[in-house]
Amino acid sequence: MLLLVLPLIVANVLAAVAPVRSWPPYGRRLLLAGDAVMMLVLFLGALAPVPYDEWGMGAIVPRLCLLGALLIFASALPLAKKSFYRPRP
């Protein structure tokens, strides 16, 4: 689960830190669209029925999905602000 979320978080942080001229705006928006799709998939994964296993670890899966969606959302906020905020002249 973390292996699915970690590359998006790293890409969000790098894109938010990179200078404006070195990252094209459509690239940022494409990354934000990928974030939105991944958050939707993780949210739907949290709503899925809990799988049964003999150790009782299936109950943690929805919480991990919601945590992953929250981490992607938090890492995408600075990128979204940098991509869509335009100061008034």
PDB file of N, CA and C in Angstrom:
ATOM      1  N   MET A   1       0.827  -1.191   0.000  1.00  0.00           N
ATOM      2  CA  MET A   1       0.000   0.000   0.000  1.00  0.00           C
ATOM      3  C   MET A   1       0.870   1.253   0.000  1.00  0.00           C
ATOM      4  N   LEU A   2       1.849   1.274   0.890  1.00  0.00           N
ATOM      5  CA  LEU A   2       2.737   2.438   0.950  1.00  0.00           C
ATOM      6  C   LEU A   2       3.548   2.562  -0.336  1.00  0.00           C
ATOM      7  N   LEU A   3       3.853   1.449  -0.976  1.00  0.00           N
ATOM      8  CA  LEU A   3       4.604   1.502  -2.229  1.00  0.00           C
ATOM      9  C   LEU A   3       3.791   2.127  -3.361  1.00  0.00           C
ATOM     10  N   LEU A   4       2.456   2.099  -3.258  1.00  0.00           N
ATOM     11  CA  LEU A   4       1.621   2.766  -4.256  1.00  0.00           C
ATOM     12  C   LEU A   4       1.527   4.267  -4.007  1.00  0.00           C
ATOM     13  N   VAL A   5       1.529   4.657  -2.728  1.00  0.00           N
ATOM     14  CA  VAL A   5       1.308   6.052  -2.361  1.00  0.00           C
ATOM     15  C   VAL A   5       2.602   6.854  -2.351  1.00  0.00           C
ATOM     16  N   LEU A   6       3.694   6.244  -1.935  1.00  0.00           N
ATOM     17  CA  LEU A   6       4.953   6.953  -1.760  1.00  0.00           C
ATOM     18  C   LEU A   6       5.470   7.639  -3.029  1.00  0.00           C
ATOM     19  N   PRO A   7       5.435   7.010  -4.208  1.00  0.00           N
ATOM     20  CA  PRO A   7       5.919   7.729  -5.405  1.00  0.00           C
ATOM     21  C   PRO A   7       5.109   8.996  -5.718  1.00  0.00           C
ATOM     22  N   LEU A   8       3.786   8.962  -5.496  1.00  0.00           N
ATOM     23  CA  LEU A   8       2.986  10.165  -5.739  1.00  0.00           C
ATOM     24  C   LEU A   8       3.323  11.259  -4.743  1.00  0.00           C
ATOM     25  N   ILE A   9       3.559  10.899  -3.495  1.00  0.00           N
ATOM     26  CA  ILE A   9       3.912  11.893  -2.485  1.00  0.00           C
ATOM     27  C   ILE A   9       5.252  12.527  -2.831  1.00  0.00           C
ATOM     28  N   VAL A  10       6.231  11.719  -3.218  1.00  0.00           N
ATOM     29  CA  VAL A  10       7.552  12.249  -3.590  1.00  0.00           C
ATOM     30  C   VAL A  10       7.437  13.148  -4.818  1.00  0.00           C
ATOM     31  N   ALA A  11       6.652  12.742  -5.803  1.00  0.00           N
ATOM     32  CA  ALA A  11       6.471  13.564  -7.007  1.00  0.00           C
ATOM     33  C   ALA A  11       5.789  14.881  -6.670  1.00  0.00           C
ATOM     34  N   ASN A  12       4.812  14.861  -5.756  1.00  0.00           N
ATOM     35  CA  ASN A  12       4.134  16.099  -5.351  1.00  0.00           C
ATOM     36  C   ASN A  12       5.103  17.053  -4.666  1.00  0.00           C
ATOM     37  N   VAL A  13       5.906  16.524  -3.772  1.00  0.00           N
ATOM     38  CA  VAL A  13       6.851  17.377  -3.048  1.00  0.00           C
ATOM     39  C   VAL A  13       7.882  17.961  -4.014  1.00  0.00           C
ATOM     40  N   LEU A  14       8.405  17.143  -4.909  1.00  0.00           N
ATOM     41  CA  LEU A  14       9.392  17.640  -5.879  1.00  0.00           C
ATOM     42  C   LEU A  14       8.782  18.686  -6.807  1.00  0.00           C
ATOM     43  N   ALA A  15       7.549  18.462  -7.239  1.00  0.00           N
ATOM     44  CA  ALA A  15       6.904  19.422  -8.137  1.00  0.00           C
ATOM     45  C   ALA A  15       6.573  20.726  -7.427  1.00  0.00           C
ATOM     46  N   ALA A  16       6.262  20.661  -6.138  1.00  0.00           N
ATOM     47  CA  ALA A  16       5.957  21.883  -5.393  1.00  0.00           C
ATOM     48  C   ALA A  16       7.217  22.681  -5.082  1.00  0.00           C
ATOM     49  N   VAL A  17       8.353  21.997  -4.945  1.00  0.00           N
ATOM     50  CA  VAL A  17       9.607  22.663  -4.592  1.00  0.00           C
ATOM     51  C   VAL A  17      10.334  23.185  -5.830  1.00  0.00           C
ATOM     52  N   ALA A  18      10.118  22.552  -6.973  1.00  0.00           N
ATOM     53  CA  ALA A  18      10.837  22.929  -8.195  1.00  0.00           C
ATOM     54  C   ALA A  18      10.483  24.355  -8.619  1.00  0.00           C
ATOM     55  N   PRO A  19      11.436  25.064  -9.200  1.00  0.00           N
ATOM     56  CA  PRO A  19      11.132  26.413  -9.696  1.00  0.00           C
ATOM     57  C   PRO A  19      10.034  26.384 -10.760  1.00  0.00           C
ATOM     58  N   VAL A  20       9.323  27.483 -10.865  1.00  0.00           N
ATOM     59  CA  VAL A  20       8.164  27.554 -11.755  1.00  0.00           C
ATOM     60  C   VAL A  20       8.553  27.299 -13.206  1.00  0.00           C
ATOM     61  N   ARG A  21       9.686  27.825 -13.627  1.00  0.00           N
ATOM     62  CA  ARG A  21      10.073  27.681 -15.031  1.00  0.00           C
ATOM     63  C   ARG A  21      10.509  26.272 -15.395  1.00  0.00           C
ATOM     64  N   SER A  22      10.927  25.476 -14.404  1.00  0.00           N
ATOM     65  CA  SER A  22      11.454  24.158 -14.750  1.00  0.00           C
ATOM     66  C   SER A  22      10.367  23.088 -14.839  1.00  0.00           C
ATOM     67  N   TRP A  23       9.137  23.398 -14.438  1.00  0.00           N
ATOM     68  CA  TRP A  23       8.066  22.406 -14.467  1.00  0.00           C
ATOM     69  C   TRP A  23       6.895  23.018 -15.226  1.00  0.00           C
ATOM     70  N   PRO A  24       6.523  22.474 -16.374  1.00  0.00           N
ATOM     71  CA  PRO A  24       5.440  23.075 -17.147  1.00  0.00           C
ATOM     72  C   PRO A  24       4.101  22.982 -16.407  1.00  0.00           C
ATOM     73  N   PRO A  25       3.211  23.958 -16.579  1.00  0.00           N
ATOM     74  CA  PRO A  25       1.927  23.947 -15.867  1.00  0.00           C
ATOM     75  C   PRO A  25       1.086  22.715 -16.177  1.00  0.00           C
ATOM     76  N   TYR A  26       1.095  22.256 -17.435  1.00  0.00           N
ATOM     77  CA  TYR A  26       0.296  21.070 -17.746  1.00  0.00           C
ATOM     78  C   TYR A  26       0.845  19.840 -17.037  1.00  0.00           C
ATOM     79  N   GLY A  27       2.137  19.808 -16.761  1.00  0.00           N
ATOM     80  CA  GLY A  27       2.706  18.679 -16.013  1.00  0.00           C
ATOM     81  C   GLY A  27       2.217  18.660 -14.582  1.00  0.00           C
ATOM     82  N   ARG A  28       2.127  19.842 -13.968  1.00  0.00           N
ATOM     83  CA  ARG A  28       1.598  19.921 -12.607  1.00  0.00           C
ATOM     84  C   ARG A  28       0.141  19.493 -12.573  1.00  0.00           C
ATOM     85  N   ARG A  29      -0.621  19.969 -13.530  1.00  0.00           N
ATOM     86  CA  ARG A  29      -2.046  19.620 -13.551  1.00  0.00           C
ATOM     87  C   ARG A  29      -2.251  18.145 -13.857  1.00  0.00           C
ATOM     88  N   LEU A  30      -1.401  17.568 -14.668  1.00  0.00           N
ATOM     89  CA  LEU A  30      -1.477  16.135 -14.928  1.00  0.00           C
ATOM     90  C   LEU A  30      -1.169  15.335 -13.662  1.00  0.00           C
ATOM     91  N   LEU A  31      -0.187  15.787 -12.905  1.00  0.00           N
ATOM     92  CA  LEU A  31       0.129  15.142 -11.640  1.00  0.00           C
ATOM     93  C   LEU A  31      -1.027  15.279 -10.654  1.00  0.00           C
ATOM     94  N   LEU A  32      -1.662  16.452 -10.610  1.00  0.00           N
ATOM     95  CA  LEU A  32      -2.819  16.629  -9.742  1.00  0.00           C
ATOM     96  C   LEU A  32      -3.988  15.747 -10.167  1.00  0.00           C
ATOM     97  N   ALA A  33      -4.155  15.545 -11.471  1.00  0.00           N
ATOM     98  CA  ALA A  33      -5.202  14.638 -11.931  1.00  0.00           C
ATOM     99  C   ALA A  33      -4.897  13.200 -11.501  1.00  0.00           C
ATOM    100  N   GLY A  34      -3.631  12.800 -11.580  1.00  0.00           N
ATOM    101  CA  GLY A  34      -3.248  11.475 -11.075  1.00  0.00           C
ATOM    102  C   GLY A  34      -3.480  11.341  -9.582  1.00  0.00           C
ATOM    103  N   ASP A  35      -3.223  12.428  -8.846  1.00  0.00           N
ATOM    104  CA  ASP A  35      -3.507  12.422  -7.409  1.00  0.00           C
ATOM    105  C   ASP A  35      -4.997  12.227  -7.151  1.00  0.00           C
ATOM    106  N   ALA A  36      -5.820  12.931  -7.906  1.00  0.00           N
ATOM    107  CA  ALA A  36      -7.268  12.819  -7.713  1.00  0.00           C
ATOM    108  C   ALA A  36      -7.756  11.408  -8.001  1.00  0.00           C
ATOM    109  N   VAL A  37      -7.234  10.804  -9.053  1.00  0.00           N
ATOM    110  CA  VAL A  37      -7.633   9.433  -9.383  1.00  0.00           C
ATOM    111  C   VAL A  37      -7.184   8.474  -8.284  1.00  0.00           C
ATOM    112  N   MET A  38      -5.967   8.632  -7.796  1.00  0.00           N
ATOM    113  CA  MET A  38      -5.475   7.736  -6.743  1.00  0.00           C
ATOM    114  C   MET A  38      -6.258   7.922  -5.446  1.00  0.00           C
ATOM    115  N   MET A  39      -6.609   9.180  -5.107  1.00  0.00           N
ATOM    116  CA  MET A  39      -7.417   9.405  -3.908  1.00  0.00           C
ATOM    117  C   MET A  39      -8.791   8.764  -4.043  1.00  0.00           C
ATOM    118  N   LEU A  40      -9.388   8.839  -5.242  1.00  0.00           N
ATOM    119  CA  LEU A  40     -10.685   8.201  -5.468  1.00  0.00           C
ATOM    120  C   LEU A  40     -10.581   6.691  -5.330  1.00  0.00           C
ATOM    121  N   VAL A  41      -9.535   6.110  -5.901  1.00  0.00           N
ATOM    122  CA  VAL A  41      -9.339   4.656  -5.801  1.00  0.00           C
ATOM    123  C   VAL A  41      -9.149   4.238  -4.349  1.00  0.00           C
ATOM    124  N   LEU A  42      -8.357   4.988  -3.596  1.00  0.00           N
ATOM    125  CA  LEU A  42      -8.146   4.647  -2.193  1.00  0.00           C
ATOM    126  C   LEU A  42      -9.417   4.832  -1.374  1.00  0.00           C
ATOM    127  N   PHE A  43     -10.185   5.875  -1.677  1.00  0.00           N
ATOM    128  CA  PHE A  43     -11.436   6.073  -0.951  1.00  0.00           C
ATOM    129  C   PHE A  43     -12.418   4.941  -1.244  1.00  0.00           C
ATOM    130  N   LEU A  44     -12.510   4.533  -2.501  1.00  0.00           N
ATOM    131  CA  LEU A  44     -13.375   3.398  -2.839  1.00  0.00           C
ATOM    132  C   LEU A  44     -12.855   2.097  -2.224  1.00  0.00           C
ATOM    133  N   GLY A  45     -11.534   1.977  -2.107  1.00  0.00           N
ATOM    134  CA  GLY A  45     -10.965   0.810  -1.433  1.00  0.00           C
ATOM    135  C   GLY A  45     -11.310   0.777   0.039  1.00  0.00           C
ATOM    136  N   ALA A  46     -11.460   1.950   0.640  1.00  0.00           N
ATOM    137  CA  ALA A  46     -11.851   2.003   2.052  1.00  0.00           C
ATOM    138  C   ALA A  46     -13.313   1.615   2.236  1.00  0.00           C
ATOM    139  N   LEU A  47     -14.136   1.816   1.204  1.00  0.00           N
ATOM    140  CA  LEU A  47     -15.550   1.455   1.294  1.00  0.00           C
ATOM    141  C   LEU A  47     -15.818  -0.007   0.956  1.00  0.00           C
ATOM    142  N   ALA A  48     -14.849  -0.688   0.409  1.00  0.00           N
ATOM    143  CA  ALA A  48     -15.025  -2.091   0.019  1.00  0.00           C
ATOM    144  C   ALA A  48     -15.228  -2.952   1.258  1.00  0.00           C
ATOM    145  N   PRO A  49     -15.894  -4.097   1.088  1.00  0.00           N
ATOM    146  CA  PRO A  49     -16.071  -4.979   2.245  1.00  0.00           C
ATOM    147  C   PRO A  49     -14.726  -5.470   2.776  1.00  0.00           C
ATOM    148  N   VAL A  50     -14.656  -5.626   4.077  1.00  0.00           N
ATOM    149  CA  VAL A  50     -13.414  -6.039   4.719  1.00  0.00           C
ATOM    150  C   VAL A  50     -13.150  -7.513   4.410  1.00  0.00           C
ATOM    151  N   PRO A  51     -11.971  -7.819   3.881  1.00  0.00           N
ATOM    152  CA  PRO A  51     -11.672  -9.228   3.603  1.00  0.00           C
ATOM    153  C   PRO A  51     -11.462 -10.005   4.901  1.00  0.00           C
ATOM    154  N   TYR A  52     -11.862 -11.247   4.889  1.00  0.00           N
ATOM    155  CA  TYR A  52     -11.686 -12.084   6.076  1.00  0.00           C
ATOM    156  C   TYR A  52     -10.317 -12.746   6.029  1.00  0.00           C
ATOM    157  N   ASP A  53      -9.632 -12.699   7.128  1.00  0.00           N
ATOM    158  CA  ASP A  53      -8.417 -13.483   7.275  1.00  0.00           C
ATOM    159  C   ASP A  53      -8.364 -14.003   8.708  1.00  0.00           C
ATOM    160  N   GLU A  54      -7.625 -15.033   8.903  1.00  0.00           N
ATOM    161  CA  GLU A  54      -7.646 -15.708  10.204  1.00  0.00           C
ATOM    162  C   GLU A  54      -6.927 -14.938  11.301  1.00  0.00           C
ATOM    163  N   TRP A  55      -6.108 -13.943  10.953  1.00  0.00           N
ATOM    164  CA  TRP A  55      -5.394 -13.178  11.970  1.00  0.00           C
ATOM    165  C   TRP A  55      -6.112 -11.880  12.327  1.00  0.00           C
ATOM    166  N   GLY A  56      -7.158 -11.552  11.619  1.00  0.00           N
ATOM    167  CA  GLY A  56      -7.911 -10.342  11.920  1.00  0.00           C
ATOM    168  C   GLY A  56      -7.261  -9.068  11.428  1.00  0.00           C
ATOM    169  N   MET A  57      -6.365  -9.156  10.467  1.00  0.00           N
ATOM    170  CA  MET A  57      -5.681  -7.968   9.957  1.00  0.00           C
ATOM    171  C   MET A  57      -6.478  -7.276   8.843  1.00  0.00           C
ATOM    172  N   GLY A  58      -7.564  -7.881   8.381  1.00  0.00           N
ATOM    173  CA  GLY A  58      -8.342  -7.282   7.304  1.00  0.00           C
ATOM    174  C   GLY A  58      -9.028  -5.987   7.712  1.00  0.00           C
ATOM    175  N   ALA A  59      -9.254  -5.811   9.006  1.00  0.00           N
ATOM    176  CA  ALA A  59      -9.937  -4.606   9.477  1.00  0.00           C
ATOM    177  C   ALA A  59      -9.073  -3.357   9.340  1.00  0.00           C
ATOM    178  N   ILE A  60      -7.777  -3.527   9.180  1.00  0.00           N
ATOM    179  CA  ILE A  60      -6.897  -2.366   9.075  1.00  0.00           C
ATOM    180  C   ILE A  60      -6.834  -1.827   7.639  1.00  0.00           C
ATOM    181  N   VAL A  61      -7.267  -2.597   6.666  1.00  0.00           N
ATOM    182  CA  VAL A  61      -7.181  -2.192   5.261  1.00  0.00           C
ATOM    183  C   VAL A  61      -7.954  -0.896   4.977  1.00  0.00           C
ATOM    184  N   PRO A  62      -9.215  -0.742   5.431  1.00  0.00           N
ATOM    185  CA  PRO A  62      -9.902   0.530   5.157  1.00  0.00           C
ATOM    186  C   PRO A  62      -9.200   1.728   5.791  1.00  0.00           C
ATOM    187  N   ARG A  63      -8.654   1.548   6.978  1.00  0.00           N
ATOM    188  CA  ARG A  63      -7.948   2.659   7.625  1.00  0.00           C
ATOM    189  C   ARG A  63      -6.689   3.026   6.858  1.00  0.00           C
ATOM    190  N   LEU A  64      -5.989   2.034   6.343  1.00  0.00           N
ATOM    191  CA  LEU A  64      -4.793   2.322   5.550  1.00  0.00           C
ATOM    192  C   LEU A  64      -5.147   3.028   4.245  1.00  0.00           C
ATOM    193  N   CYS A  65      -6.257   2.645   3.634  1.00  0.00           N
ATOM    194  CA  CYS A  65      -6.688   3.313   2.403  1.00  0.00           C
ATOM    195  C   CYS A  65      -7.021   4.774   2.670  1.00  0.00           C
ATOM    196  N   LEU A  66      -7.742   5.037   3.762  1.00  0.00           N
ATOM    197  CA  LEU A  66      -8.063   6.423   4.089  1.00  0.00           C
ATOM    198  C   LEU A  66      -6.813   7.216   4.450  1.00  0.00           C
ATOM    199  N   LEU A  67      -5.880   6.603   5.143  1.00  0.00           N
ATOM    200  CA  LEU A  67      -4.627   7.273   5.482  1.00  0.00           C
ATOM    201  C   LEU A  67      -3.835   7.613   4.223  1.00  0.00           C
ATOM    202  N   GLY A  68      -3.783   6.686   3.271  1.00  0.00           N
ATOM    203  CA  GLY A  68      -3.094   6.951   2.008  1.00  0.00           C
ATOM    204  C   GLY A  68      -3.733   8.096   1.239  1.00  0.00           C
ATOM    205  N   ALA A  69      -5.069   8.126   1.196  1.00  0.00           N
ATOM    206  CA  ALA A  69      -5.760   9.224   0.516  1.00  0.00           C
ATOM    207  C   ALA A  69      -5.484  10.547   1.217  1.00  0.00           C
ATOM    208  N   LEU A  70      -5.451  10.544   2.538  1.00  0.00           N
ATOM    209  CA  LEU A  70      -5.170  11.768   3.289  1.00  0.00           C
ATOM    210  C   LEU A  70      -3.739  12.246   3.056  1.00  0.00           C
ATOM    211  N   LEU A  71      -2.788  11.324   2.995  1.00  0.00           N
ATOM    212  CA  LEU A  71      -1.397  11.698   2.738  1.00  0.00           C
ATOM    213  C   LEU A  71      -1.217  12.293   1.338  1.00  0.00           C
ATOM    214  N   ILE A  72      -1.873  11.709   0.357  1.00  0.00           N
ATOM    215  CA  ILE A  72      -1.789  12.258  -1.002  1.00  0.00           C
ATOM    216  C   ILE A  72      -2.429  13.645  -1.052  1.00  0.00           C
ATOM    217  N   PHE A  73      -3.575  13.806  -0.385  1.00  0.00           N
ATOM    218  CA  PHE A  73      -4.242  15.106  -0.361  1.00  0.00           C
ATOM    219  C   PHE A  73      -3.351  16.167   0.275  1.00  0.00           C
ATOM    220  N   ALA A  74      -2.741  15.819   1.409  1.00  0.00           N
ATOM    221  CA  ALA A  74      -1.882  16.791   2.105  1.00  0.00           C
ATOM    222  C   ALA A  74      -0.650  17.150   1.281  1.00  0.00           C
ATOM    223  N   SER A  75      -0.081  16.178   0.579  1.00  0.00           N
ATOM    224  CA  SER A  75       1.108  16.484  -0.220  1.00  0.00           C
ATOM    225  C   SER A  75       0.757  17.220  -1.508  1.00  0.00           C
ATOM    226  N   ALA A  76      -0.497  17.146  -1.953  1.00  0.00           N
ATOM    227  CA  ALA A  76      -0.895  17.820  -3.192  1.00  0.00           C
ATOM    228  C   ALA A  76      -1.336  19.260  -2.967  1.00  0.00           C
ATOM    229  N   LEU A  77      -1.616  19.655  -1.729  1.00  0.00           N
ATOM    230  CA  LEU A  77      -2.094  21.021  -1.479  1.00  0.00           C
ATOM    231  C   LEU A  77      -1.103  22.098  -1.924  1.00  0.00           C
ATOM    232  N   PRO A  78       0.192  22.035  -1.559  1.00  0.00           N
ATOM    233  CA  PRO A  78       1.110  23.075  -2.040  1.00  0.00           C
ATOM    234  C   PRO A  78       1.240  23.097  -3.559  1.00  0.00           C
ATOM    235  N   LEU A  79       1.180  21.937  -4.172  1.00  0.00           N
ATOM    236  CA  LEU A  79       1.264  21.858  -5.631  1.00  0.00           C
ATOM    237  C   LEU A  79       0.038  22.498  -6.273  1.00  0.00           C
ATOM    238  N   ALA A  80      -1.144  22.252  -5.704  1.00  0.00           N
ATOM    239  CA  ALA A  80      -2.363  22.848  -6.246  1.00  0.00           C
ATOM    240  C   ALA A  80      -2.336  24.362  -6.104  1.00  0.00           C
ATOM    241  N   LYS A  81      -1.847  24.839  -4.967  1.00  0.00           N
ATOM    242  CA  LYS A  81      -1.770  26.288  -4.774  1.00  0.00           C
ATOM    243  C   LYS A  81      -0.806  26.910  -5.777  1.00  0.00           C
ATOM    244  N   LYS A  82       0.319  26.248  -6.003  1.00  0.00           N
ATOM    245  CA  LYS A  82       1.303  26.770  -6.943  1.00  0.00           C
ATOM    246  C   LYS A  82       0.806  26.701  -8.390  1.00  0.00           C
ATOM    247  N   SER A  83      -0.031  25.709  -8.695  1.00  0.00           N
ATOM    248  CA  SER A  83      -0.501  25.527 -10.072  1.00  0.00           C
ATOM    249  C   SER A  83      -1.646  26.434 -10.441  1.00  0.00           C
ATOM    250  N   PHE A  84      -2.523  26.741  -9.490  1.00  0.00           N
ATOM    251  CA  PHE A  84      -3.758  27.457  -9.833  1.00  0.00           C
ATOM    252  C   PHE A  84      -3.847  28.863  -9.244  1.00  0.00           C
ATOM    253  N   TYR A  85      -3.041  29.199  -8.268  1.00  0.00           N
ATOM    254  CA  TYR A  85      -3.117  30.527  -7.670  1.00  0.00           C
ATOM    255  C   TYR A  85      -2.380  31.519  -8.552  1.00  0.00           C
ATOM    256  N   ARG A  86      -3.075  32.563  -8.942  1.00  0.00           N
ATOM    257  CA  ARG A  86      -2.475  33.624  -9.738  1.00  0.00           C
ATOM    258  C   ARG A  86      -2.703  34.940  -8.996  1.00  0.00           C
ATOM    259  N   PRO A  87      -1.649  35.613  -8.556  1.00  0.00           N
ATOM    260  CA  PRO A  87      -1.842  36.879  -7.852  1.00  0.00           C
ATOM    261  C   PRO A  87      -2.399  37.950  -8.777  1.00  0.00           C
ATOM    262  N   ARG A  88      -3.187  38.833  -8.213  1.00  0.00           N
ATOM    263  CA  ARG A  88      -3.735  39.930  -9.019  1.00  0.00           C
ATOM    264  C   ARG A  88      -2.639  40.938  -9.312  1.00  0.00           C
ATOM    265  N   PRO A  89      -2.619  41.479 -10.540  1.00  0.00           N
ATOM    266  CA  PRO A  89      -1.578  42.459 -10.878  1.00  0.00           C
ATOM    267  C   PRO A  89      -1.839  43.801 -10.220  1.00  0.00           C
TER     268      PRO A  89
END
